[in-house]
Amino acid sequence: MNLKRVFGTILTTLGIIGLLYAAYLFTNVSGGQGYKMLIIYGILGIVFFVSGIGLIKTTKDES
């Protein structure tokens, strides 16, 4: 298995976890500090998810 694909899978998984946590914070936000965490986890989740998917897509299979 290609190391880039494994790293892409890990990044995608971390991105999904970050986006799910941001969604959880969105439903339970109270106060100004909650919005900061919501934005940070949301942006990091999107960055990790998109970079992981891009890494998986652009890596060619070599047998």
PDB file of N, CA and C in Angstrom:
ATOM      1  N   MET A   1       0.845  -1.180   0.000  1.00  0.00           N
ATOM      2  CA  MET A   1       0.000   0.000   0.000  1.00  0.00           C
ATOM      3  C   MET A   1       0.887   1.238   0.000  1.00  0.00           C
ATOM      4  N   ASN A   2       0.437   2.225  -0.700  1.00  0.00           N
ATOM      5  CA  ASN A   2       1.211   3.449  -0.856  1.00  0.00           C
ATOM      6  C   ASN A   2       1.133   4.310   0.404  1.00  0.00           C
ATOM      7  N   LEU A   3       2.271   4.847   0.805  1.00  0.00           N
ATOM      8  CA  LEU A   3       2.334   5.649   2.030  1.00  0.00           C
ATOM      9  C   LEU A   3       1.522   6.940   1.906  1.00  0.00           C
ATOM     10  N   LYS A   4       1.491   7.526   0.707  1.00  0.00           N
ATOM     11  CA  LYS A   4       0.710   8.757   0.511  1.00  0.00           C
ATOM     12  C   LYS A   4      -0.783   8.498   0.692  1.00  0.00           C
ATOM     13  N   ARG A   5      -1.243   7.349   0.211  1.00  0.00           N
ATOM     14  CA  ARG A   5      -2.664   7.023   0.375  1.00  0.00           C
ATOM     15  C   ARG A   5      -3.018   6.810   1.850  1.00  0.00           C
ATOM     16  N   VAL A   6      -2.117   6.186   2.588  1.00  0.00           N
ATOM     17  CA  VAL A   6      -2.358   5.981   4.017  1.00  0.00           C
ATOM     18  C   VAL A   6      -2.413   7.325   4.729  1.00  0.00           C
ATOM     19  N   PHE A   7      -1.478   8.212   4.428  1.00  0.00           N
ATOM     20  CA  PHE A   7      -1.475   9.536   5.035  1.00  0.00           C
ATOM     21  C   PHE A   7      -2.718  10.324   4.623  1.00  0.00           C
ATOM     22  N   GLY A   8      -3.155  10.186   3.381  1.00  0.00           N
ATOM     23  CA  GLY A   8      -4.383  10.837   2.928  1.00  0.00           C
ATOM     24  C   GLY A   8      -5.604  10.325   3.665  1.00  0.00           C
ATOM     25  N   THR A   9      -5.626   9.026   3.924  1.00  0.00           N
ATOM     26  CA  THR A   9      -6.734   8.434   4.680  1.00  0.00           C
ATOM     27  C   THR A   9      -6.753   8.946   6.110  1.00  0.00           C
ATOM     28  N   ILE A  10      -5.573   9.066   6.719  1.00  0.00           N
ATOM     29  CA  ILE A  10      -5.491   9.591   8.084  1.00  0.00           C
ATOM     30  C   ILE A  10      -5.962  11.043   8.129  1.00  0.00           C
ATOM     31  N   LEU A  11      -5.517  11.858   7.161  1.00  0.00           N
ATOM     32  CA  LEU A  11      -5.950  13.256   7.118  1.00  0.00           C
ATOM     33  C   LEU A  11      -7.458  13.370   6.912  1.00  0.00           C
ATOM     34  N   THR A  12      -8.003  12.536   6.032  1.00  0.00           N
ATOM     35  CA  THR A  12      -9.443  12.568   5.787  1.00  0.00           C
ATOM     36  C   THR A  12     -10.216  12.197   7.043  1.00  0.00           C
ATOM     37  N   THR A  13      -9.746  11.179   7.747  1.00  0.00           N
ATOM     38  CA  THR A  13     -10.407  10.758   8.984  1.00  0.00           C
ATOM     39  C   THR A  13     -10.346  11.858  10.043  1.00  0.00           C
ATOM     40  N   LEU A  14      -9.182  12.490  10.184  1.00  0.00           N
ATOM     41  CA  LEU A  14      -9.069  13.602  11.136  1.00  0.00           C
ATOM     42  C   LEU A  14      -9.979  14.766  10.745  1.00  0.00           C
ATOM     43  N   GLY A  15     -10.108  15.019   9.446  1.00  0.00           N
ATOM     44  CA  GLY A  15     -11.001  16.071   8.978  1.00  0.00           C
ATOM     45  C   GLY A  15     -12.447  15.782   9.298  1.00  0.00           C
ATOM     46  N   ILE A  16     -12.850  14.539   9.119  1.00  0.00           N
ATOM     47  CA  ILE A  16     -14.230  14.159   9.442  1.00  0.00           C
ATOM     48  C   ILE A  16     -14.484  14.310  10.930  1.00  0.00           C
ATOM     49  N   ILE A  17     -13.523  13.882  11.742  1.00  0.00           N
ATOM     50  CA  ILE A  17     -13.672  14.016  13.194  1.00  0.00           C
ATOM     51  C   ILE A  17     -13.766  15.484  13.589  1.00  0.00           C
ATOM     52  N   GLY A  18     -12.927  16.332  12.981  1.00  0.00           N
ATOM     53  CA  GLY A  18     -12.970  17.764  13.274  1.00  0.00           C
ATOM     54  C   GLY A  18     -14.295  18.397  12.882  1.00  0.00           C
ATOM     55  N   LEU A  19     -14.820  18.005  11.718  1.00  0.00           N
ATOM     56  CA  LEU A  19     -16.105  18.547  11.276  1.00  0.00           C
ATOM     57  C   LEU A  19     -17.255  18.066  12.159  1.00  0.00           C
ATOM     58  N   LEU A  20     -17.193  16.816  12.585  1.00  0.00           N
ATOM     59  CA  LEU A  20     -18.237  16.316  13.488  1.00  0.00           C
ATOM     60  C   LEU A  20     -18.191  17.025  14.834  1.00  0.00           C
ATOM     61  N   TYR A  21     -16.980  17.287  15.331  1.00  0.00           N
ATOM     62  CA  TYR A  21     -16.863  18.004  16.606  1.00  0.00           C
ATOM     63  C   TYR A  21     -17.341  19.452  16.467  1.00  0.00           C
ATOM     64  N   ALA A  22     -17.071  20.060  15.311  1.00  0.00           N
ATOM     65  CA  ALA A  22     -17.565  21.414  15.069  1.00  0.00           C
ATOM     66  C   ALA A  22     -19.088  21.425  15.015  1.00  0.00           C
ATOM     67  N   ALA A  23     -19.680  20.390  14.426  1.00  0.00           N
ATOM     68  CA  ALA A  23     -21.144  20.296  14.396  1.00  0.00           C
ATOM     69  C   ALA A  23     -21.703  20.110  15.803  1.00  0.00           C
ATOM     70  N   TYR A  24     -21.005  19.317  16.629  1.00  0.00           N
ATOM     71  CA  TYR A  24     -21.422  19.136  18.020  1.00  0.00           C
ATOM     72  C   TYR A  24     -21.351  20.467  18.779  1.00  0.00           C
ATOM     73  N   LEU A  25     -20.261  21.218  18.570  1.00  0.00           N
ATOM     74  CA  LEU A  25     -20.146  22.521  19.221  1.00  0.00           C
ATOM     75  C   LEU A  25     -21.212  23.494  18.732  1.00  0.00           C
ATOM     76  N   PHE A  26     -21.574  23.393  17.454  1.00  0.00           N
ATOM     77  CA  PHE A  26     -22.594  24.277  16.895  1.00  0.00           C
ATOM     78  C   PHE A  26     -23.933  24.063  17.593  1.00  0.00           C
ATOM     79  N   THR A  27     -24.229  22.813  17.934  1.00  0.00           N
ATOM     80  CA  THR A  27     -25.512  22.549  18.589  1.00  0.00           C
ATOM     81  C   THR A  27     -25.493  22.928  20.063  1.00  0.00           C
ATOM     82  N   ASN A  28     -24.307  22.977  20.680  1.00  0.00           N
ATOM     83  CA  ASN A  28     -24.227  23.230  22.121  1.00  0.00           C
ATOM     84  C   ASN A  28     -23.414  24.470  22.460  1.00  0.00           C
ATOM     85  N   VAL A  29     -23.375  25.456  21.591  1.00  0.00           N
ATOM     86  CA  VAL A  29     -22.548  26.635  21.843  1.00  0.00           C
ATOM     87  C   VAL A  29     -23.256  27.571  22.821  1.00  0.00           C
ATOM     88  N   SER A  30     -22.470  28.099  23.761  1.00  0.00           N
ATOM     89  CA  SER A  30     -23.002  29.097  24.684  1.00  0.00           C
ATOM     90  C   SER A  30     -21.859  30.026  25.071  1.00  0.00           C
ATOM     91  N   GLY A  31     -21.999  31.277  24.755  1.00  0.00           N
ATOM     92  CA  GLY A  31     -20.957  32.246  25.090  1.00  0.00           C
ATOM     93  C   GLY A  31     -19.988  32.474  23.947  1.00  0.00           C
ATOM     94  N   GLY A  32     -19.137  33.481  24.114  1.00  0.00           N
ATOM     95  CA  GLY A  32     -18.193  33.869  23.073  1.00  0.00           C
ATOM     96  C   GLY A  32     -17.079  32.868  22.844  1.00  0.00           C
ATOM     97  N   GLN A  33     -16.645  32.178  23.883  1.00  0.00           N
ATOM     98  CA  GLN A  33     -15.542  31.226  23.747  1.00  0.00           C
ATOM     99  C   GLN A  33     -15.953  30.034  22.873  1.00  0.00           C
ATOM    100  N   GLY A  34     -17.191  29.650  22.904  1.00  0.00           N
ATOM    101  CA  GLY A  34     -17.674  28.530  22.105  1.00  0.00           C
ATOM    102  C   GLY A  34     -17.602  28.811  20.622  1.00  0.00           C
ATOM    103  N   TYR A  35     -17.850  30.058  20.223  1.00  0.00           N
ATOM    104  CA  TYR A  35     -17.794  30.403  18.808  1.00  0.00           C
ATOM    105  C   TYR A  35     -16.374  30.342  18.269  1.00  0.00           C
ATOM    106  N   LYS A  36     -15.404  30.719  19.090  1.00  0.00           N
ATOM    107  CA  LYS A  36     -14.008  30.619  18.659  1.00  0.00           C
ATOM    108  C   LYS A  36     -13.633  29.171  18.383  1.00  0.00           C
ATOM    109  N   MET A  37     -13.985  28.297  19.295  1.00  0.00           N
ATOM    110  CA  MET A  37     -13.667  26.880  19.114  1.00  0.00           C
ATOM    111  C   MET A  37     -14.407  26.305  17.923  1.00  0.00           C
ATOM    112  N   LEU A  38     -15.632  26.730  17.704  1.00  0.00           N
ATOM    113  CA  LEU A  38     -16.412  26.264  16.569  1.00  0.00           C
ATOM    114  C   LEU A  38     -15.731  26.633  15.260  1.00  0.00           C
ATOM    115  N   ILE A  39     -15.272  27.865  15.149  1.00  0.00           N
ATOM    116  CA  ILE A  39     -14.604  28.319  13.926  1.00  0.00           C
ATOM    117  C   ILE A  39     -13.275  27.599  13.734  1.00  0.00           C
ATOM    118  N   ILE A  40     -12.499  27.447  14.795  1.00  0.00           N
ATOM    119  CA  ILE A  40     -11.189  26.799  14.684  1.00  0.00           C
ATOM    120  C   ILE A  40     -11.338  25.337  14.266  1.00  0.00           C
ATOM    121  N   TYR A  41     -12.199  24.581  14.949  1.00  0.00           N
ATOM    122  CA  TYR A  41     -12.374  23.176  14.597  1.00  0.00           C
ATOM    123  C   TYR A  41     -13.001  23.009  13.219  1.00  0.00           C
ATOM    124  N   GLY A  42     -13.890  23.908  12.850  1.00  0.00           N
ATOM    125  CA  GLY A  42     -14.493  23.836  11.524  1.00  0.00           C
ATOM    126  C   GLY A  42     -13.482  24.070  10.415  1.00  0.00           C
ATOM    127  N   ILE A  43     -12.657  25.088  10.571  1.00  0.00           N
ATOM    128  CA  ILE A  43     -11.650  25.387   9.547  1.00  0.00           C
ATOM    129  C   ILE A  43     -10.609  24.275   9.470  1.00  0.00           C
ATOM    130  N   LEU A  44     -10.124  23.812  10.625  1.00  0.00           N
ATOM    131  CA  LEU A  44      -9.144  22.720  10.617  1.00  0.00           C
ATOM    132  C   LEU A  44      -9.742  21.440  10.026  1.00  0.00           C
ATOM    133  N   GLY A  45     -10.987  21.159  10.331  1.00  0.00           N
ATOM    134  CA  GLY A  45     -11.645  19.984   9.763  1.00  0.00           C
ATOM    135  C   GLY A  45     -11.759  20.067   8.255  1.00  0.00           C
ATOM    136  N   ILE A  46     -12.121  21.237   7.745  1.00  0.00           N
ATOM    137  CA  ILE A  46     -12.235  21.413   6.296  1.00  0.00           C
ATOM    138  C   ILE A  46     -10.873  21.281   5.630  1.00  0.00           C
ATOM    139  N   VAL A  47      -9.842  21.893   6.212  1.00  0.00           N
ATOM    140  CA  VAL A  47      -8.494  21.826   5.634  1.00  0.00           C
ATOM    141  C   VAL A  47      -7.995  20.386   5.608  1.00  0.00           C
ATOM    142  N   PHE A  48      -8.127  19.670   6.719  1.00  0.00           N
ATOM    143  CA  PHE A  48      -7.667  18.279   6.768  1.00  0.00           C
ATOM    144  C   PHE A  48      -8.452  17.405   5.799  1.00  0.00           C
ATOM    145  N   PHE A  49      -9.764  17.586   5.753  1.00  0.00           N
ATOM    146  CA  PHE A  49     -10.597  16.771   4.883  1.00  0.00           C
ATOM    147  C   PHE A  49     -10.256  16.993   3.410  1.00  0.00           C
ATOM    148  N   VAL A  50     -10.162  18.247   3.006  1.00  0.00           N
ATOM    149  CA  VAL A  50      -9.887  18.551   1.600  1.00  0.00           C
ATOM    150  C   VAL A  50      -8.477  18.101   1.201  1.00  0.00           C
ATOM    151  N   SER A  51      -7.492  18.324   2.077  1.00  0.00           N
ATOM    152  CA  SER A  51      -6.132  17.900   1.735  1.00  0.00           C
ATOM    153  C   SER A  51      -6.022  16.380   1.699  1.00  0.00           C
ATOM    154  N   GLY A  52      -6.716  15.681   2.574  1.00  0.00           N
ATOM    155  CA  GLY A  52      -6.697  14.223   2.552  1.00  0.00           C
ATOM    156  C   GLY A  52      -7.339  13.660   1.302  1.00  0.00           C
ATOM    157  N   ILE A  53      -8.488  14.199   0.921  1.00  0.00           N
ATOM    158  CA  ILE A  53      -9.161  13.748  -0.299  1.00  0.00           C
ATOM    159  C   ILE A  53      -8.299  14.060  -1.523  1.00  0.00           C
ATOM    160  N   GLY A  54      -7.691  15.233  -1.552  1.00  0.00           N
ATOM    161  CA  GLY A  54      -6.819  15.591  -2.676  1.00  0.00           C
ATOM    162  C   GLY A  54      -5.610  14.681  -2.765  1.00  0.00           C
ATOM    163  N   LEU A  55      -5.039  14.315  -1.647  1.00  0.00           N
ATOM    164  CA  LEU A  55      -3.885  13.421  -1.636  1.00  0.00           C
ATOM    165  C   LEU A  55      -4.269  12.027  -2.111  1.00  0.00           C
ATOM    166  N   ILE A  56      -5.432  11.557  -1.730  1.00  0.00           N
ATOM    167  CA  ILE A  56      -5.886  10.238  -2.172  1.00  0.00           C
ATOM    168  C   ILE A  56      -6.161  10.248  -3.670  1.00  0.00           C
ATOM    169  N   LYS A  57      -6.792  11.313  -4.165  1.00  0.00           N
ATOM    170  CA  LYS A  57      -7.152  11.384  -5.580  1.00  0.00           C
ATOM    171  C   LYS A  57      -5.938  11.498  -6.498  1.00  0.00           C
ATOM    172  N   THR A  58      -4.941  12.273  -6.102  1.00  0.00           N
ATOM    173  CA  THR A  58      -3.815  12.536  -6.996  1.00  0.00           C
ATOM    174  C   THR A  58      -2.720  11.472  -6.935  1.00  0.00           C
ATOM    175  N   THR A  59      -2.782  10.564  -5.980  1.00  0.00           N
ATOM    176  CA  THR A  59      -1.770   9.517  -5.871  1.00  0.00           C
ATOM    177  C   THR A  59      -2.121   8.375  -6.828  1.00  0.00           C
ATOM    178  N   LYS A  60      -1.179   8.013  -7.682  1.00  0.00           N
ATOM    179  CA  LYS A  60      -1.397   6.932  -8.633  1.00  0.00           C
ATOM    180  C   LYS A  60      -1.018   5.608  -7.993  1.00  0.00           C
ATOM    181  N   ASP A  61      -1.721   4.555  -8.392  1.00  0.00           N
ATOM    182  CA  ASP A  61      -1.419   3.214  -7.900  1.00  0.00           C
ATOM    183  C   ASP A  61      -0.226   2.653  -8.652  1.00  0.00           C
ATOM    184  N   GLU A  62       0.721   2.117  -7.916  1.00  0.00           N
ATOM    185  CA  GLU A  62       1.868   1.454  -8.510  1.00  0.00           C
ATOM    186  C   GLU A  62       1.974   0.059  -7.921  1.00  0.00           C
ATOM    187  N   SER A  63       1.821  -0.927  -8.754  1.00  0.00           N
ATOM    188  CA  SER A  63       1.858  -2.314  -8.261  1.00  0.00           C
ATOM    189  C   SER A  63       3.236  -2.903  -8.363  1.00  0.00           C
TER     190      SER A  63
END
